[in-house]
N, C-alpha and C. Protein backbone atom coordinates (compact mmCIF):
# COMPACT_ATOMS: atom_id res chain seq x y z
N MET A 1 -28.78 9.00 30.59
CA MET A 1 -27.97 8.40 29.56
C MET A 1 -28.11 9.21 28.28
N ASN A 2 -27.00 9.45 27.61
CA ASN A 2 -27.03 10.20 26.36
C ASN A 2 -27.49 9.32 25.22
N GLU A 3 -28.15 9.91 24.26
CA GLU A 3 -28.54 9.20 23.06
C GLU A 3 -27.79 9.78 21.89
N PHE A 4 -27.41 8.93 20.94
CA PHE A 4 -26.68 9.35 19.76
C PHE A 4 -27.45 8.94 18.52
N GLU A 5 -27.42 9.78 17.52
CA GLU A 5 -27.97 9.42 16.23
C GLU A 5 -26.78 9.25 15.30
N ILE A 6 -26.64 8.06 14.75
CA ILE A 6 -25.52 7.77 13.85
C ILE A 6 -26.08 7.74 12.44
N LEU A 7 -25.53 8.57 11.57
CA LEU A 7 -26.00 8.67 10.20
C LEU A 7 -25.11 7.85 9.28
N ASP A 8 -25.73 7.14 8.38
CA ASP A 8 -25.03 6.32 7.40
C ASP A 8 -25.06 7.07 6.07
N PRO A 9 -23.89 7.41 5.50
CA PRO A 9 -23.87 8.23 4.28
C PRO A 9 -24.19 7.46 3.00
N THR A 10 -24.48 6.18 3.09
CA THR A 10 -24.81 5.43 1.88
C THR A 10 -26.23 5.77 1.43
N SER A 11 -26.55 5.38 0.23
CA SER A 11 -27.85 5.76 -0.34
C SER A 11 -28.89 4.65 -0.19
N GLU A 12 -28.91 4.00 0.94
CA GLU A 12 -29.88 2.94 1.15
C GLU A 12 -31.29 3.52 1.27
N GLN A 13 -32.25 2.86 0.67
CA GLN A 13 -33.64 3.28 0.80
C GLN A 13 -34.18 2.94 2.18
N GLU A 14 -33.76 1.80 2.71
CA GLU A 14 -34.14 1.36 4.05
C GLU A 14 -32.86 1.30 4.89
N PRO A 15 -32.56 2.33 5.66
CA PRO A 15 -31.33 2.34 6.44
C PRO A 15 -31.24 1.14 7.38
N GLU A 16 -30.07 0.59 7.49
CA GLU A 16 -29.82 -0.54 8.36
C GLU A 16 -29.70 -0.05 9.80
N ALA A 17 -30.30 -0.78 10.73
CA ALA A 17 -30.20 -0.41 12.15
C ALA A 17 -28.88 -0.93 12.72
N TRP A 18 -28.19 -0.09 13.46
CA TRP A 18 -26.91 -0.45 14.07
C TRP A 18 -27.00 -0.24 15.56
N ALA A 19 -26.49 -1.17 16.31
CA ALA A 19 -26.42 -1.01 17.77
C ALA A 19 -24.99 -0.62 18.14
N LEU A 20 -24.85 0.26 19.12
CA LEU A 20 -23.53 0.63 19.59
C LEU A 20 -22.91 -0.53 20.36
N SER A 21 -21.61 -0.69 20.20
CA SER A 21 -20.89 -1.70 20.96
C SER A 21 -20.76 -1.25 22.41
N ALA A 22 -20.54 -2.21 23.28
CA ALA A 22 -20.28 -1.88 24.68
C ALA A 22 -18.96 -1.11 24.77
N PRO A 23 -18.83 -0.21 25.72
CA PRO A 23 -17.57 0.52 25.87
C PRO A 23 -16.41 -0.45 26.09
N LEU A 24 -15.26 -0.08 25.56
CA LEU A 24 -14.07 -0.90 25.73
C LEU A 24 -13.59 -0.87 27.17
N ASN A 25 -13.12 -2.00 27.63
CA ASN A 25 -12.38 -2.04 28.89
C ASN A 25 -10.95 -1.70 28.50
N ARG A 26 -10.55 -0.45 28.69
CA ARG A 26 -9.28 0.04 28.15
C ARG A 26 -8.10 -0.44 28.99
N ARG A 27 -7.78 -1.71 28.81
CA ARG A 27 -6.62 -2.30 29.45
C ARG A 27 -5.40 -1.96 28.61
N ARG A 28 -4.24 -2.11 29.18
CA ARG A 28 -3.00 -1.84 28.45
C ARG A 28 -2.81 -2.82 27.30
N ASP A 29 -3.40 -4.00 27.37
CA ASP A 29 -3.23 -4.96 26.27
C ASP A 29 -4.33 -4.83 25.21
N THR A 30 -5.12 -3.77 25.29
CA THR A 30 -6.12 -3.52 24.25
C THR A 30 -5.40 -3.25 22.93
N ARG A 31 -5.80 -3.95 21.88
CA ARG A 31 -5.18 -3.77 20.57
C ARG A 31 -6.14 -3.02 19.66
N PHE A 32 -5.63 -1.93 19.09
CA PHE A 32 -6.40 -1.13 18.15
C PHE A 32 -5.92 -1.40 16.74
N GLY A 33 -6.83 -1.56 15.81
CA GLY A 33 -6.51 -1.67 14.40
C GLY A 33 -6.74 -0.33 13.74
N LEU A 34 -5.76 0.14 12.99
CA LEU A 34 -5.88 1.41 12.27
C LEU A 34 -5.90 1.09 10.78
N LEU A 35 -7.00 1.39 10.13
CA LEU A 35 -7.18 1.07 8.71
C LEU A 35 -7.09 2.33 7.87
N ASP A 36 -6.10 2.36 7.02
CA ASP A 36 -5.92 3.45 6.05
C ASP A 36 -6.64 3.03 4.77
N ILE A 37 -7.63 3.81 4.35
CA ILE A 37 -8.40 3.43 3.16
C ILE A 37 -7.76 3.95 1.87
N SER A 38 -6.55 4.52 1.98
CA SER A 38 -5.77 4.99 0.83
C SER A 38 -6.24 6.32 0.26
N LYS A 39 -6.95 7.11 1.06
CA LYS A 39 -7.26 8.47 0.64
C LYS A 39 -6.06 9.34 0.98
N PRO A 40 -5.85 10.41 0.23
CA PRO A 40 -4.70 11.28 0.51
C PRO A 40 -4.68 11.79 1.95
N ARG A 41 -3.54 11.70 2.57
CA ARG A 41 -3.22 12.19 3.92
C ARG A 41 -3.86 11.40 5.05
N GLY A 42 -4.58 10.32 4.75
CA GLY A 42 -5.11 9.48 5.82
C GLY A 42 -3.99 8.87 6.64
N ASP A 43 -2.88 8.56 5.95
CA ASP A 43 -1.74 7.98 6.66
C ASP A 43 -1.15 8.95 7.67
N LEU A 44 -1.18 10.25 7.37
CA LEU A 44 -0.66 11.25 8.31
C LEU A 44 -1.48 11.27 9.60
N PHE A 45 -2.79 11.20 9.44
CA PHE A 45 -3.67 11.14 10.60
C PHE A 45 -3.39 9.89 11.43
N LEU A 46 -3.29 8.74 10.74
CA LEU A 46 -3.06 7.48 11.46
C LEU A 46 -1.67 7.42 12.09
N ASP A 47 -0.67 8.02 11.45
CA ASP A 47 0.68 8.07 12.05
C ASP A 47 0.62 8.78 13.40
N GLU A 48 -0.06 9.90 13.46
CA GLU A 48 -0.15 10.66 14.71
C GLU A 48 -1.00 9.92 15.73
N LEU A 49 -2.10 9.34 15.29
CA LEU A 49 -2.94 8.58 16.20
C LEU A 49 -2.17 7.39 16.78
N GLU A 50 -1.42 6.70 15.93
CA GLU A 50 -0.62 5.57 16.40
C GLU A 50 0.41 6.04 17.44
N ARG A 51 1.06 7.15 17.18
CA ARG A 51 2.06 7.68 18.12
C ARG A 51 1.42 7.96 19.48
N LEU A 52 0.24 8.59 19.47
CA LEU A 52 -0.45 8.91 20.71
C LEU A 52 -0.90 7.64 21.45
N MET A 53 -1.41 6.68 20.72
CA MET A 53 -1.90 5.45 21.34
C MET A 53 -0.75 4.64 21.93
N ARG A 54 0.33 4.51 21.17
CA ARG A 54 1.50 3.77 21.69
C ARG A 54 2.07 4.49 22.91
N GLY A 55 2.04 5.81 22.90
CA GLY A 55 2.51 6.58 24.03
C GLY A 55 1.70 6.32 25.29
N ARG A 56 0.48 5.88 25.13
CA ARG A 56 -0.38 5.55 26.27
C ARG A 56 -0.32 4.05 26.59
N GLY A 57 0.54 3.33 25.87
CA GLY A 57 0.76 1.92 26.18
C GLY A 57 -0.13 0.94 25.45
N TYR A 58 -0.90 1.40 24.47
CA TYR A 58 -1.77 0.48 23.73
C TYR A 58 -1.01 -0.19 22.58
N GLU A 59 -1.47 -1.39 22.24
CA GLU A 59 -0.93 -2.09 21.08
C GLU A 59 -1.69 -1.60 19.84
N VAL A 60 -0.96 -1.46 18.73
CA VAL A 60 -1.56 -0.95 17.50
C VAL A 60 -1.14 -1.83 16.32
N SER A 61 -2.10 -2.18 15.49
CA SER A 61 -1.83 -2.88 14.23
C SER A 61 -2.30 -1.98 13.10
N ARG A 62 -1.50 -1.88 12.05
CA ARG A 62 -1.86 -1.03 10.91
C ARG A 62 -2.31 -1.90 9.74
N PHE A 63 -3.29 -1.40 9.02
CA PHE A 63 -3.82 -2.05 7.82
C PHE A 63 -4.01 -0.98 6.76
N ARG A 64 -3.92 -1.38 5.50
CA ARG A 64 -4.10 -0.41 4.40
C ARG A 64 -4.78 -1.10 3.22
N LYS A 65 -5.85 -0.47 2.75
CA LYS A 65 -6.49 -0.95 1.53
C LYS A 65 -5.63 -0.55 0.34
N PRO A 66 -5.58 -1.38 -0.70
CA PRO A 66 -4.78 -1.00 -1.88
C PRO A 66 -5.35 0.19 -2.64
N THR A 67 -6.65 0.41 -2.54
CA THR A 67 -7.28 1.54 -3.23
C THR A 67 -8.52 1.98 -2.47
N MET A 68 -8.81 3.28 -2.54
CA MET A 68 -9.99 3.79 -1.83
C MET A 68 -11.28 3.49 -2.58
N THR A 69 -11.18 3.02 -3.82
CA THR A 69 -12.37 2.85 -4.65
C THR A 69 -13.07 1.51 -4.45
N ARG A 70 -12.48 0.63 -3.67
CA ARG A 70 -13.08 -0.68 -3.44
C ARG A 70 -13.18 -0.95 -1.95
N PRO A 71 -14.17 -1.77 -1.55
CA PRO A 71 -14.26 -2.14 -0.13
C PRO A 71 -13.03 -2.93 0.30
N ALA A 72 -12.78 -2.93 1.59
CA ALA A 72 -11.68 -3.74 2.12
C ALA A 72 -11.96 -5.21 1.84
N ALA A 73 -10.92 -5.95 1.54
CA ALA A 73 -11.06 -7.38 1.26
C ALA A 73 -11.61 -8.09 2.49
N ALA A 74 -12.42 -9.10 2.27
CA ALA A 74 -13.02 -9.85 3.37
C ALA A 74 -11.95 -10.42 4.29
N GLU A 75 -10.83 -10.84 3.73
CA GLU A 75 -9.74 -11.39 4.54
C GLU A 75 -9.19 -10.33 5.50
N MET A 76 -9.04 -9.10 5.02
CA MET A 76 -8.53 -8.02 5.85
C MET A 76 -9.53 -7.70 6.97
N VAL A 77 -10.79 -7.60 6.63
CA VAL A 77 -11.81 -7.31 7.63
C VAL A 77 -11.83 -8.41 8.69
N SER A 78 -11.72 -9.65 8.25
CA SER A 78 -11.69 -10.78 9.18
C SER A 78 -10.47 -10.71 10.09
N GLU A 79 -9.31 -10.38 9.54
CA GLU A 79 -8.09 -10.26 10.35
C GLU A 79 -8.24 -9.16 11.40
N ILE A 80 -8.78 -8.03 11.00
CA ILE A 80 -8.99 -6.93 11.95
C ILE A 80 -9.94 -7.39 13.06
N ALA A 81 -11.03 -8.04 12.69
CA ALA A 81 -12.01 -8.49 13.68
C ALA A 81 -11.43 -9.53 14.63
N GLN A 82 -10.56 -10.39 14.12
CA GLN A 82 -10.00 -11.46 14.95
C GLN A 82 -8.84 -11.01 15.82
N THR A 83 -8.10 -9.99 15.40
CA THR A 83 -6.88 -9.62 16.12
C THR A 83 -6.97 -8.31 16.88
N CYS A 84 -8.04 -7.54 16.68
CA CYS A 84 -8.14 -6.22 17.31
C CYS A 84 -9.39 -6.11 18.17
N ASP A 85 -9.27 -5.30 19.22
CA ASP A 85 -10.42 -5.06 20.10
C ASP A 85 -11.30 -3.93 19.57
N ALA A 86 -10.70 -3.01 18.81
CA ALA A 86 -11.41 -1.88 18.22
C ALA A 86 -10.65 -1.43 16.99
N ALA A 87 -11.33 -0.73 16.10
CA ALA A 87 -10.68 -0.26 14.87
C ALA A 87 -11.06 1.19 14.59
N VAL A 88 -10.11 1.89 13.98
CA VAL A 88 -10.31 3.27 13.52
C VAL A 88 -10.05 3.25 12.02
N ILE A 89 -10.97 3.83 11.26
CA ILE A 89 -10.83 3.91 9.81
C ILE A 89 -10.55 5.36 9.46
N ALA A 90 -9.44 5.61 8.76
CA ALA A 90 -9.04 6.97 8.44
C ALA A 90 -9.67 7.43 7.14
N LEU A 91 -10.41 8.51 7.21
CA LEU A 91 -10.95 9.18 6.04
C LEU A 91 -10.33 10.56 6.01
N ALA A 92 -9.68 10.93 4.94
CA ALA A 92 -9.03 12.24 4.86
C ALA A 92 -8.96 12.71 3.42
N ASP A 93 -8.65 13.95 3.25
CA ASP A 93 -8.40 14.56 1.94
C ASP A 93 -7.64 15.83 2.16
């Protein structure tokens, strides 16, 4: 089994431990949430990713933060968690 080290870029003195999620059962009804954090050109990445995912038959929901300088609203995070099986967050410049 492969092991992965996931680095958290925040400046925490005591890094938080994270467990990997179980692999997705990639059924055709799997819904992916794509979150644009409003950085320049993140939407271009997500547009292409959405096109590829839809081409493979997956359902896609798009979300966008109003600004990159603030965390996503709790309501948005909750909606993504409740309606999507997995999420991709676009970071770009």
